[in-house]
Amino acid sequence: MDNIYPPVYPPSEDSAFLASFVRKLARGKTVDIGTGSGTQAFAAAENNSAESITAVDINPAAVAHVRAKIRQGELDGTIAKGRMTMIESDMFAHLEGELFDTIICNPPYLPDDDRARDIALDGGPAGYEWTERFLEESMTHLVPNGQILMLFSNLTNKDRVDGTLRRLGFAHEILGEMVVGMFERLYVYRIWRNTR
């Protein structure tokens, strides 16, 4: 049986695009779901408004990689000791009862490719299933005035994502868009509870 956990997903243009907003907007108690290489968690740590950062991933290789980066950051003084933690978890499974001011996610957002399965990329048969589950689980982990910073692709089905946000009672704004190649467009959303 093939190992379902690939090597750590290397940061790409989507990672840098989301991180540019995370650096400015992360605040309070922050969690990065599906942290991979830790790009978003470390971007959040650059903002002093992010009081604590929890990085979460289901992939043991990612967990080991980010834990090593945290230890190195604490040793060289770029990260305050105890400010960042790494947890191995399937989304929020090991964060029961915890609430966050900022939830960050660069989800796997591409439709599954049965020829080359990769949990870091495959968002479900149609591409949006992982994102829908993430948004549904986020509802019980976001403080009333909290925010979600999330990236996804037009290949995920933007109309479906927007519909899911409405169904769950979320409001959102598009922070940025970026064209990748000939056919893909990336979106970064800031999402919050719709109190109207």
N, C-alpha and C. Protein backbone atom coordinates (compact mmCIF):
# COMPACT_ATOMS: atom_id res chain seq x y z
N MET A 1 0.84 -1.20 0.00
CA MET A 1 0.00 0.00 0.00
C MET A 1 0.87 1.25 0.00
N ASP A 2 0.53 2.21 -0.83
CA ASP A 2 1.31 3.44 -0.90
C ASP A 2 1.11 4.26 0.36
N ASN A 3 2.17 4.97 0.75
CA ASN A 3 2.06 5.91 1.86
C ASN A 3 1.21 7.08 1.41
N ILE A 4 0.12 7.36 2.12
CA ILE A 4 -0.77 8.44 1.70
C ILE A 4 -0.19 9.81 2.01
N TYR A 5 0.86 9.85 2.84
CA TYR A 5 1.45 11.12 3.21
C TYR A 5 2.68 11.39 2.36
N PRO A 6 2.61 12.41 1.50
CA PRO A 6 3.74 12.74 0.65
C PRO A 6 4.80 13.51 1.43
N PRO A 7 5.95 13.77 0.82
CA PRO A 7 6.89 14.70 1.45
C PRO A 7 6.21 16.05 1.67
N VAL A 8 6.83 16.89 2.47
CA VAL A 8 6.24 18.19 2.80
C VAL A 8 6.05 19.00 1.52
N TYR A 9 4.84 19.56 1.37
CA TYR A 9 4.51 20.37 0.20
C TYR A 9 5.40 21.61 0.17
N PRO A 10 6.17 21.81 -0.90
CA PRO A 10 7.06 22.98 -0.94
C PRO A 10 6.26 24.26 -1.18
N PRO A 11 6.64 25.35 -0.53
CA PRO A 11 5.93 26.61 -0.76
C PRO A 11 5.96 26.99 -2.23
N SER A 12 4.85 27.49 -2.73
CA SER A 12 4.74 27.88 -4.13
C SER A 12 4.16 29.29 -4.20
N GLU A 13 3.78 29.72 -5.41
CA GLU A 13 3.28 31.08 -5.56
C GLU A 13 1.99 31.30 -4.78
N ASP A 14 1.17 30.25 -4.64
CA ASP A 14 -0.05 30.41 -3.85
C ASP A 14 0.28 30.66 -2.38
N SER A 15 1.33 29.96 -1.88
CA SER A 15 1.76 30.15 -0.49
C SER A 15 2.20 31.59 -0.24
N ALA A 16 3.03 32.11 -1.14
CA ALA A 16 3.53 33.48 -0.99
C ALA A 16 2.39 34.50 -1.09
N PHE A 17 1.43 34.24 -1.97
CA PHE A 17 0.31 35.15 -2.15
C PHE A 17 -0.52 35.26 -0.88
N LEU A 18 -0.90 34.12 -0.30
CA LEU A 18 -1.66 34.15 0.95
C LEU A 18 -0.83 34.76 2.08
N ALA A 19 0.44 34.39 2.16
CA ALA A 19 1.30 34.89 3.25
C ALA A 19 1.40 36.41 3.25
N SER A 20 1.30 37.03 2.07
CA SER A 20 1.39 38.49 2.01
C SER A 20 0.24 39.16 2.77
N PHE A 21 -0.90 38.49 2.85
CA PHE A 21 -2.04 39.02 3.61
C PHE A 21 -1.98 38.58 5.07
N VAL A 22 -1.51 37.37 5.30
CA VAL A 22 -1.40 36.84 6.66
C VAL A 22 -0.48 37.73 7.50
N ARG A 23 0.63 38.15 6.91
CA ARG A 23 1.59 39.00 7.64
C ARG A 23 0.93 40.28 8.16
N LYS A 24 0.00 40.82 7.40
CA LYS A 24 -0.64 42.09 7.77
C LYS A 24 -1.83 41.89 8.71
N LEU A 25 -2.56 40.77 8.55
CA LEU A 25 -3.88 40.67 9.17
C LEU A 25 -4.00 39.68 10.34
N ALA A 26 -3.05 38.77 10.48
CA ALA A 26 -3.15 37.80 11.58
C ALA A 26 -3.19 38.54 12.92
N ARG A 27 -4.07 38.08 13.80
CA ARG A 27 -4.18 38.74 15.10
C ARG A 27 -4.71 37.76 16.13
N GLY A 28 -4.40 38.05 17.40
CA GLY A 28 -4.91 37.26 18.50
C GLY A 28 -4.42 35.82 18.48
N LYS A 29 -5.26 34.95 18.99
CA LYS A 29 -4.95 33.51 19.00
C LYS A 29 -5.17 32.99 17.59
N THR A 30 -4.11 32.48 16.97
CA THR A 30 -4.12 32.16 15.54
C THR A 30 -3.83 30.68 15.33
N VAL A 31 -4.51 30.09 14.34
CA VAL A 31 -4.23 28.70 13.96
C VAL A 31 -4.11 28.62 12.45
N ASP A 32 -3.15 27.81 11.99
CA ASP A 32 -2.95 27.56 10.57
C ASP A 32 -3.29 26.10 10.31
N ILE A 33 -4.42 25.86 9.66
CA ILE A 33 -4.89 24.49 9.40
C ILE A 33 -4.31 23.99 8.07
N GLY A 34 -3.66 22.82 8.12
CA GLY A 34 -2.99 22.28 6.94
C GLY A 34 -1.72 23.06 6.65
N THR A 35 -0.90 23.23 7.67
CA THR A 35 0.24 24.15 7.58
C THR A 35 1.30 23.74 6.57
N GLY A 36 1.44 22.44 6.28
CA GLY A 36 2.44 22.00 5.31
C GLY A 36 3.84 22.38 5.75
N SER A 37 4.50 23.23 4.99
CA SER A 37 5.87 23.67 5.31
C SER A 37 5.90 24.73 6.41
N GLY A 38 4.73 25.20 6.83
CA GLY A 38 4.66 26.20 7.89
C GLY A 38 4.69 27.64 7.40
N THR A 39 4.59 27.83 6.10
CA THR A 39 4.70 29.18 5.53
C THR A 39 3.73 30.17 6.17
N GLN A 40 2.46 29.79 6.30
CA GLN A 40 1.47 30.73 6.83
C GLN A 40 1.66 30.95 8.32
N ALA A 41 1.99 29.91 9.05
CA ALA A 41 2.21 30.04 10.50
C ALA A 41 3.37 30.99 10.78
N PHE A 42 4.45 30.85 10.02
CA PHE A 42 5.61 31.73 10.24
C PHE A 42 5.34 33.15 9.73
N ALA A 43 4.50 33.28 8.70
CA ALA A 43 4.10 34.61 8.26
C ALA A 43 3.29 35.30 9.36
N ALA A 44 2.39 34.55 10.01
CA ALA A 44 1.60 35.10 11.11
C ALA A 44 2.51 35.55 12.26
N ALA A 45 3.57 34.78 12.50
CA ALA A 45 4.48 35.10 13.60
C ALA A 45 5.23 36.42 13.37
N GLU A 46 5.27 36.88 12.13
CA GLU A 46 5.91 38.16 11.84
C GLU A 46 5.05 39.34 12.28
N ASN A 47 3.79 39.08 12.59
CA ASN A 47 2.88 40.14 13.04
C ASN A 47 2.74 40.04 14.56
N ASN A 48 3.15 41.07 15.26
CA ASN A 48 3.08 41.05 16.73
C ASN A 48 1.66 41.00 17.25
N SER A 49 0.67 41.30 16.39
CA SER A 49 -0.74 41.21 16.81
C SER A 49 -1.19 39.76 16.95
N ALA A 50 -0.47 38.83 16.35
CA ALA A 50 -0.76 37.41 16.53
C ALA A 50 -0.08 36.96 17.82
N GLU A 51 -0.87 36.81 18.88
CA GLU A 51 -0.31 36.55 20.20
C GLU A 51 0.24 35.13 20.34
N SER A 52 -0.43 34.17 19.72
CA SER A 52 0.04 32.79 19.72
C SER A 52 -0.34 32.17 18.39
N ILE A 53 0.48 31.23 17.93
CA ILE A 53 0.24 30.59 16.63
C ILE A 53 0.33 29.09 16.80
N THR A 54 -0.73 28.38 16.40
CA THR A 54 -0.74 26.92 16.39
C THR A 54 -0.75 26.47 14.93
N ALA A 55 0.23 25.67 14.57
CA ALA A 55 0.29 25.10 13.22
C ALA A 55 -0.24 23.67 13.30
N VAL A 56 -1.09 23.28 12.34
CA VAL A 56 -1.75 21.98 12.37
C VAL A 56 -1.59 21.29 11.02
N ASP A 57 -1.23 20.00 11.06
CA ASP A 57 -1.19 19.22 9.82
C ASP A 57 -1.38 17.75 10.16
N ILE A 58 -1.98 17.02 9.21
CA ILE A 58 -2.20 15.59 9.37
C ILE A 58 -0.97 14.78 8.95
N ASN A 59 -0.07 15.40 8.19
CA ASN A 59 1.09 14.72 7.63
C ASN A 59 2.24 14.70 8.65
N PRO A 60 2.66 13.52 9.13
CA PRO A 60 3.75 13.47 10.12
C PRO A 60 5.04 14.13 9.63
N ALA A 61 5.29 14.07 8.32
CA ALA A 61 6.50 14.71 7.79
C ALA A 61 6.43 16.22 7.96
N ALA A 62 5.25 16.79 7.72
CA ALA A 62 5.07 18.24 7.92
C ALA A 62 5.22 18.60 9.39
N VAL A 63 4.65 17.77 10.27
CA VAL A 63 4.75 18.02 11.70
C VAL A 63 6.21 18.08 12.14
N ALA A 64 7.00 17.09 11.73
CA ALA A 64 8.41 17.04 12.10
C ALA A 64 9.17 18.24 11.52
N HIS A 65 8.86 18.58 10.28
CA HIS A 65 9.54 19.70 9.60
C HIS A 65 9.28 21.01 10.32
N VAL A 66 8.02 21.28 10.63
CA VAL A 66 7.68 22.56 11.26
C VAL A 66 8.16 22.60 12.71
N ARG A 67 8.09 21.49 13.42
CA ARG A 67 8.62 21.48 14.80
C ARG A 67 10.10 21.83 14.81
N ALA A 68 10.84 21.30 13.85
CA ALA A 68 12.28 21.61 13.76
C ALA A 68 12.49 23.10 13.47
N LYS A 69 11.66 23.67 12.60
CA LYS A 69 11.78 25.10 12.28
C LYS A 69 11.43 25.96 13.51
N ILE A 70 10.44 25.52 14.29
CA ILE A 70 10.09 26.26 15.50
C ILE A 70 11.25 26.23 16.50
N ARG A 71 11.82 25.04 16.71
CA ARG A 71 12.96 24.91 17.63
C ARG A 71 14.10 25.81 17.20
N GLN A 72 14.40 25.81 15.91
CA GLN A 72 15.49 26.66 15.40
C GLN A 72 15.18 28.12 15.61
N GLY A 73 13.93 28.52 15.36
CA GLY A 73 13.54 29.91 15.57
C GLY A 73 13.64 30.33 17.02
N GLU A 74 13.31 29.42 17.94
CA GLU A 74 13.44 29.73 19.37
C GLU A 74 14.90 29.85 19.77
N LEU A 75 15.74 29.00 19.17
CA LEU A 75 17.18 29.04 19.48
C LEU A 75 17.83 30.30 18.97
N ASP A 76 17.47 30.73 17.74
CA ASP A 76 18.14 31.91 17.18
C ASP A 76 17.42 33.21 17.54
N GLY A 77 16.33 33.10 18.30
CA GLY A 77 15.67 34.29 18.82
C GLY A 77 14.68 34.95 17.88
N THR A 78 14.41 34.34 16.74
CA THR A 78 13.43 34.94 15.82
C THR A 78 11.99 34.63 16.22
N ILE A 79 11.81 33.64 17.09
CA ILE A 79 10.48 33.29 17.61
C ILE A 79 10.57 33.23 19.13
N ALA A 80 9.65 33.92 19.80
CA ALA A 80 9.62 33.86 21.27
C ALA A 80 9.26 32.45 21.72
N LYS A 81 9.96 31.96 22.73
CA LYS A 81 9.73 30.60 23.21
C LYS A 81 8.28 30.43 23.65
N GLY A 82 7.63 29.39 23.15
CA GLY A 82 6.26 29.08 23.52
C GLY A 82 5.21 29.82 22.72
N ARG A 83 5.61 30.70 21.81
CA ARG A 83 4.63 31.45 21.02
C ARG A 83 4.03 30.61 19.91
N MET A 84 4.81 29.66 19.38
CA MET A 84 4.34 28.79 18.30
C MET A 84 4.34 27.35 18.76
N THR A 85 3.30 26.61 18.35
CA THR A 85 3.23 25.18 18.63
C THR A 85 2.80 24.46 17.36
N MET A 86 3.15 23.18 17.28
CA MET A 86 2.80 22.34 16.13
C MET A 86 2.03 21.15 16.64
N ILE A 87 0.88 20.84 16.01
CA ILE A 87 0.04 19.73 16.42
C ILE A 87 -0.27 18.86 15.21
N GLU A 88 -0.16 17.55 15.38
CA GLU A 88 -0.58 16.62 14.33
C GLU A 88 -2.07 16.36 14.51
N SER A 89 -2.85 16.73 13.51
CA SER A 89 -4.30 16.61 13.63
C SER A 89 -4.95 16.67 12.25
N ASP A 90 -6.07 15.99 12.12
CA ASP A 90 -6.91 16.11 10.94
C ASP A 90 -7.82 17.31 11.17
N MET A 91 -7.48 18.42 10.56
CA MET A 91 -8.17 19.70 10.77
C MET A 91 -8.24 20.01 12.27
N PHE A 92 -9.45 20.16 12.82
CA PHE A 92 -9.62 20.60 14.20
C PHE A 92 -9.79 19.42 15.19
N ALA A 93 -9.54 18.19 14.75
CA ALA A 93 -9.84 17.02 15.58
C ALA A 93 -9.19 17.08 16.96
N HIS A 94 -7.97 17.58 17.06
CA HIS A 94 -7.27 17.65 18.35
C HIS A 94 -7.28 19.05 18.94
N LEU A 95 -8.23 19.86 18.50
CA LEU A 95 -8.39 21.22 19.03
C LEU A 95 -9.79 21.41 19.60
N GLU A 96 -10.35 20.36 20.12
CA GLU A 96 -11.72 20.40 20.63
C GLU A 96 -11.89 21.48 21.69
N GLY A 97 -12.89 22.31 21.50
CA GLY A 97 -13.22 23.36 22.46
C GLY A 97 -12.37 24.62 22.33
N GLU A 98 -11.37 24.62 21.47
CA GLU A 98 -10.52 25.80 21.33
C GLU A 98 -11.12 26.80 20.35
N LEU A 99 -11.02 28.08 20.70
CA LEU A 99 -11.52 29.17 19.87
C LEU A 99 -10.35 30.03 19.42
N PHE A 100 -10.48 30.58 18.20
CA PHE A 100 -9.39 31.35 17.62
C PHE A 100 -9.89 32.68 17.07
N ASP A 101 -9.01 33.68 17.16
CA ASP A 101 -9.30 34.98 16.56
C ASP A 101 -9.04 34.97 15.06
N THR A 102 -8.02 34.21 14.65
CA THR A 102 -7.65 34.11 13.24
C THR A 102 -7.44 32.65 12.88
N ILE A 103 -8.14 32.19 11.85
CA ILE A 103 -7.94 30.85 11.31
C ILE A 103 -7.41 31.03 9.89
N ILE A 104 -6.28 30.41 9.61
CA ILE A 104 -5.63 30.52 8.30
C ILE A 104 -5.71 29.18 7.59
N CYS A 105 -5.93 29.19 6.29
CA CYS A 105 -5.94 27.93 5.55
C CYS A 105 -5.60 28.14 4.08
N ASN A 106 -4.60 27.40 3.63
CA ASN A 106 -4.29 27.26 2.21
C ASN A 106 -4.62 25.80 1.89
N PRO A 107 -5.88 25.50 1.60
CA PRO A 107 -6.33 24.10 1.55
C PRO A 107 -5.90 23.39 0.27
N PRO A 108 -5.95 22.06 0.30
CA PRO A 108 -5.86 21.35 -0.98
C PRO A 108 -7.12 21.67 -1.77
N TYR A 109 -6.98 22.27 -2.93
CA TYR A 109 -8.16 22.81 -3.61
C TYR A 109 -8.34 22.34 -5.04
N LEU A 110 -7.57 21.35 -5.47
CA LEU A 110 -7.71 20.87 -6.85
C LEU A 110 -8.57 19.61 -6.88
N PRO A 111 -9.32 19.38 -7.94
CA PRO A 111 -10.06 18.12 -8.07
C PRO A 111 -9.10 16.93 -8.01
N ASP A 112 -9.53 15.86 -7.35
CA ASP A 112 -8.68 14.66 -7.21
C ASP A 112 -8.21 14.15 -8.56
N ASP A 113 -6.98 13.72 -8.60
CA ASP A 113 -6.41 13.06 -9.77
C ASP A 113 -6.06 11.64 -9.37
N ASP A 114 -6.86 10.67 -9.80
CA ASP A 114 -6.65 9.29 -9.39
C ASP A 114 -5.32 8.73 -9.86
N ARG A 115 -4.71 9.36 -10.85
CA ARG A 115 -3.43 8.87 -11.35
C ARG A 115 -2.29 9.23 -10.42
N ALA A 116 -2.43 10.30 -9.67
CA ALA A 116 -1.35 10.77 -8.79
C ALA A 116 -1.96 11.45 -7.58
N ARG A 117 -2.48 10.66 -6.65
CA ARG A 117 -3.13 11.22 -5.46
C ARG A 117 -2.11 11.94 -4.59
N ASP A 118 -2.50 13.10 -4.08
CA ASP A 118 -1.63 13.89 -3.21
C ASP A 118 -2.53 14.67 -2.26
N ILE A 119 -2.49 14.30 -0.96
CA ILE A 119 -3.39 14.96 0.00
C ILE A 119 -3.09 16.44 0.15
N ALA A 120 -1.89 16.88 -0.25
CA ALA A 120 -1.56 18.30 -0.16
C ALA A 120 -2.23 19.11 -1.26
N LEU A 121 -2.71 18.43 -2.31
CA LEU A 121 -3.29 19.12 -3.46
C LEU A 121 -4.75 18.78 -3.69
N ASP A 122 -5.13 17.52 -3.44
CA ASP A 122 -6.46 17.04 -3.80
C ASP A 122 -7.51 17.48 -2.79
N GLY A 123 -8.45 18.29 -3.27
CA GLY A 123 -9.48 18.82 -2.40
C GLY A 123 -10.77 18.02 -2.38
N GLY A 124 -10.79 16.87 -3.04
CA GLY A 124 -11.98 16.04 -3.12
C GLY A 124 -12.31 15.80 -4.58
N PRO A 125 -13.28 14.93 -4.85
CA PRO A 125 -13.62 14.59 -6.24
C PRO A 125 -13.85 15.80 -7.15
N ALA A 126 -14.52 16.84 -6.61
CA ALA A 126 -14.80 18.03 -7.41
C ALA A 126 -13.88 19.20 -7.05
N GLY A 127 -13.05 19.02 -6.03
CA GLY A 127 -12.10 20.07 -5.62
C GLY A 127 -12.53 20.90 -4.44
N TYR A 128 -13.83 20.97 -4.14
CA TYR A 128 -14.31 21.85 -3.07
C TYR A 128 -14.66 21.13 -1.77
N GLU A 129 -14.65 19.81 -1.77
CA GLU A 129 -15.13 19.06 -0.60
C GLU A 129 -14.30 19.34 0.65
N TRP A 130 -12.98 19.35 0.52
CA TRP A 130 -12.11 19.62 1.68
C TRP A 130 -12.40 21.02 2.21
N THR A 131 -12.53 21.99 1.31
CA THR A 131 -12.78 23.37 1.71
C THR A 131 -14.12 23.50 2.42
N GLU A 132 -15.14 22.82 1.93
CA GLU A 132 -16.45 22.86 2.60
C GLU A 132 -16.36 22.31 4.01
N ARG A 133 -15.69 21.18 4.16
CA ARG A 133 -15.53 20.59 5.49
C ARG A 133 -14.77 21.53 6.42
N PHE A 134 -13.72 22.15 5.90
CA PHE A 134 -12.95 23.11 6.70
C PHE A 134 -13.83 24.26 7.17
N LEU A 135 -14.62 24.83 6.28
CA LEU A 135 -15.48 25.95 6.66
C LEU A 135 -16.53 25.54 7.68
N GLU A 136 -17.11 24.36 7.51
CA GLU A 136 -18.10 23.87 8.47
C GLU A 136 -17.48 23.68 9.85
N GLU A 137 -16.27 23.10 9.91
CA GLU A 137 -15.61 22.88 11.20
C GLU A 137 -15.15 24.20 11.82
N SER A 138 -14.80 25.17 10.98
CA SER A 138 -14.33 26.46 11.50
C SER A 138 -15.40 27.17 12.32
N MET A 139 -16.65 26.93 11.99
CA MET A 139 -17.75 27.62 12.66
C MET A 139 -17.69 27.50 14.17
N THR A 140 -17.30 26.34 14.67
CA THR A 140 -17.28 26.11 16.12
C THR A 140 -15.93 26.46 16.75
N HIS A 141 -15.01 27.01 15.96
CA HIS A 141 -13.67 27.35 16.48
C HIS A 141 -13.31 28.82 16.28
N LEU A 142 -14.27 29.61 15.82
CA LEU A 142 -14.02 31.03 15.55
C LEU A 142 -14.73 31.88 16.59
N VAL A 143 -14.00 32.80 17.22
CA VAL A 143 -14.64 33.71 18.18
C VAL A 143 -15.62 34.60 17.42
N PRO A 144 -16.58 35.21 18.11
CA PRO A 144 -17.62 35.99 17.40
C PRO A 144 -17.07 37.06 16.47
N ASN A 145 -15.99 37.72 16.83
CA ASN A 145 -15.43 38.76 15.95
C ASN A 145 -14.18 38.27 15.22
N GLY A 146 -14.05 36.96 15.09
CA GLY A 146 -12.86 36.38 14.47
C GLY A 146 -12.90 36.41 12.95
N GLN A 147 -11.80 35.98 12.35
CA GLN A 147 -11.66 36.01 10.90
C GLN A 147 -10.98 34.74 10.39
N ILE A 148 -11.33 34.38 9.16
CA ILE A 148 -10.66 33.30 8.45
C ILE A 148 -9.96 33.92 7.25
N LEU A 149 -8.69 33.58 7.07
CA LEU A 149 -7.93 33.99 5.90
C LEU A 149 -7.68 32.73 5.08
N MET A 150 -8.26 32.67 3.88
CA MET A 150 -8.24 31.44 3.10
C MET A 150 -7.98 31.71 1.63
N LEU A 151 -7.18 30.85 1.03
CA LEU A 151 -6.91 30.90 -0.40
C LEU A 151 -7.58 29.71 -1.08
N PHE A 152 -8.08 29.94 -2.29
CA PHE A 152 -8.57 28.82 -3.11
C PHE A 152 -8.50 29.24 -4.57
N SER A 153 -8.83 28.31 -5.45
CA SER A 153 -8.68 28.50 -6.89
C SER A 153 -10.03 28.46 -7.59
N ASN A 154 -10.10 29.06 -8.77
CA ASN A 154 -11.32 28.92 -9.56
C ASN A 154 -11.57 27.45 -9.92
N LEU A 155 -10.53 26.62 -9.89
CA LEU A 155 -10.70 25.19 -10.15
C LEU A 155 -11.44 24.49 -9.01
N THR A 156 -11.54 25.17 -7.86
CA THR A 156 -12.29 24.65 -6.72
C THR A 156 -13.79 24.84 -6.91
N ASN A 157 -14.18 25.75 -7.79
CA ASN A 157 -15.57 26.14 -8.05
C ASN A 157 -15.95 27.30 -7.11
N LYS A 158 -15.62 28.51 -7.55
CA LYS A 158 -15.85 29.71 -6.74
C LYS A 158 -17.32 29.87 -6.37
N ASP A 159 -18.23 29.61 -7.29
CA ASP A 159 -19.66 29.74 -6.98
C ASP A 159 -20.06 28.81 -5.84
N ARG A 160 -19.51 27.61 -5.85
CA ARG A 160 -19.82 26.64 -4.79
C ARG A 160 -19.27 27.13 -3.44
N VAL A 161 -18.05 27.66 -3.44
CA VAL A 161 -17.46 28.18 -2.19
C VAL A 161 -18.29 29.35 -1.68
N ASP A 162 -18.65 30.27 -2.56
CA ASP A 162 -19.47 31.42 -2.15
C ASP A 162 -20.83 30.96 -1.60
N GLY A 163 -21.41 29.95 -2.23
CA GLY A 163 -22.68 29.42 -1.75
C GLY A 163 -22.55 28.77 -0.38
N THR A 164 -21.45 28.08 -0.16
CA THR A 164 -21.20 27.46 1.15
C THR A 164 -21.08 28.53 2.22
N LEU A 165 -20.37 29.61 1.92
CA LEU A 165 -20.23 30.70 2.89
C LEU A 165 -21.59 31.28 3.25
N ARG A 166 -22.44 31.50 2.26
CA ARG A 166 -23.79 32.02 2.54
C ARG A 166 -24.59 31.03 3.39
N ARG A 167 -24.52 29.75 3.03
CA ARG A 167 -25.27 28.72 3.77
C ARG A 167 -24.85 28.67 5.23
N LEU A 168 -23.57 28.87 5.50
CA LEU A 168 -23.05 28.78 6.86
C LEU A 168 -23.18 30.09 7.63
N GLY A 169 -23.66 31.14 6.96
CA GLY A 169 -23.84 32.43 7.64
C GLY A 169 -22.57 33.25 7.73
N PHE A 170 -21.66 33.05 6.80
CA PHE A 170 -20.43 33.83 6.76
C PHE A 170 -20.55 34.97 5.75
N ALA A 171 -19.90 36.08 6.06
CA ALA A 171 -19.68 37.16 5.10
C ALA A 171 -18.22 37.09 4.67
N HIS A 172 -17.90 37.73 3.54
CA HIS A 172 -16.51 37.68 3.10
C HIS A 172 -16.18 38.87 2.20
N GLU A 173 -14.88 39.11 2.09
CA GLU A 173 -14.37 40.07 1.11
C GLU A 173 -13.20 39.42 0.40
N ILE A 174 -13.02 39.79 -0.86
CA ILE A 174 -11.87 39.30 -1.63
C ILE A 174 -10.71 40.24 -1.36
N LEU A 175 -9.66 39.72 -0.73
CA LEU A 175 -8.48 40.55 -0.46
C LEU A 175 -7.59 40.68 -1.69
N GLY A 176 -7.57 39.64 -2.53
CA GLY A 176 -6.73 39.69 -3.71
C GLY A 176 -7.02 38.56 -4.66
N GLU A 177 -6.66 38.76 -5.92
CA GLU A 177 -6.78 37.74 -6.96
C GLU A 177 -5.45 37.68 -7.71
N MET A 178 -5.10 36.48 -8.17
CA MET A 178 -3.86 36.32 -8.92
C MET A 178 -4.08 35.27 -10.01
N VAL A 179 -3.67 35.60 -11.23
CA VAL A 179 -3.77 34.66 -12.34
C VAL A 179 -2.53 33.79 -12.35
N VAL A 180 -2.74 32.47 -12.48
CA VAL A 180 -1.64 31.50 -12.53
C VAL A 180 -1.78 30.73 -13.83
N GLY A 181 -0.78 30.82 -14.69
CA GLY A 181 -0.85 30.12 -15.96
C GLY A 181 -1.97 30.68 -16.82
N MET A 182 -2.49 29.82 -17.70
CA MET A 182 -3.52 30.27 -18.64
C MET A 182 -4.94 30.10 -18.12
N PHE A 183 -5.14 29.17 -17.18
CA PHE A 183 -6.51 28.80 -16.84
C PHE A 183 -6.88 28.94 -15.37
N GLU A 184 -5.92 29.30 -14.52
CA GLU A 184 -6.21 29.29 -13.09
C GLU A 184 -6.15 30.69 -12.51
N ARG A 185 -7.10 30.96 -11.62
CA ARG A 185 -7.13 32.23 -10.88
C ARG A 185 -7.23 31.89 -9.39
N LEU A 186 -6.37 32.49 -8.59
CA LEU A 186 -6.38 32.28 -7.14
C LEU A 186 -7.08 33.45 -6.46
N TYR A 187 -7.80 33.14 -5.39
CA TYR A 187 -8.50 34.13 -4.59
C TYR A 187 -8.06 34.01 -3.14
N VAL A 188 -7.85 35.15 -2.49
CA VAL A 188 -7.67 35.17 -1.04
C VAL A 188 -8.88 35.87 -0.45
N TYR A 189 -9.57 35.16 0.43
CA TYR A 189 -10.76 35.69 1.10
C TYR A 189 -10.46 35.98 2.57
N ARG A 190 -11.05 37.06 3.07
CA ARG A 190 -11.19 37.24 4.52
C ARG A 190 -12.65 36.97 4.82
N ILE A 191 -12.90 36.08 5.77
CA ILE A 191 -14.24 35.57 6.06
C ILE A 191 -14.55 35.84 7.54
N TRP A 192 -15.79 36.20 7.82
CA TRP A 192 -16.20 36.42 9.21
C TRP A 192 -17.67 36.08 9.35
N ARG A 193 -18.14 36.01 10.58
CA ARG A 193 -19.55 35.70 10.84
C ARG A 193 -20.43 36.86 10.37
N ASN A 194 -21.46 36.55 9.63
CA ASN A 194 -22.39 37.58 9.18
C ASN A 194 -23.39 37.85 10.31
N THR A 195 -23.31 39.03 10.92
CA THR A 195 -24.17 39.34 12.07
C THR A 195 -25.37 40.16 11.69
N ARG A 196 -25.57 40.42 10.39
CA ARG A 196 -26.75 41.19 9.95
C ARG A 196 -28.00 40.35 10.01
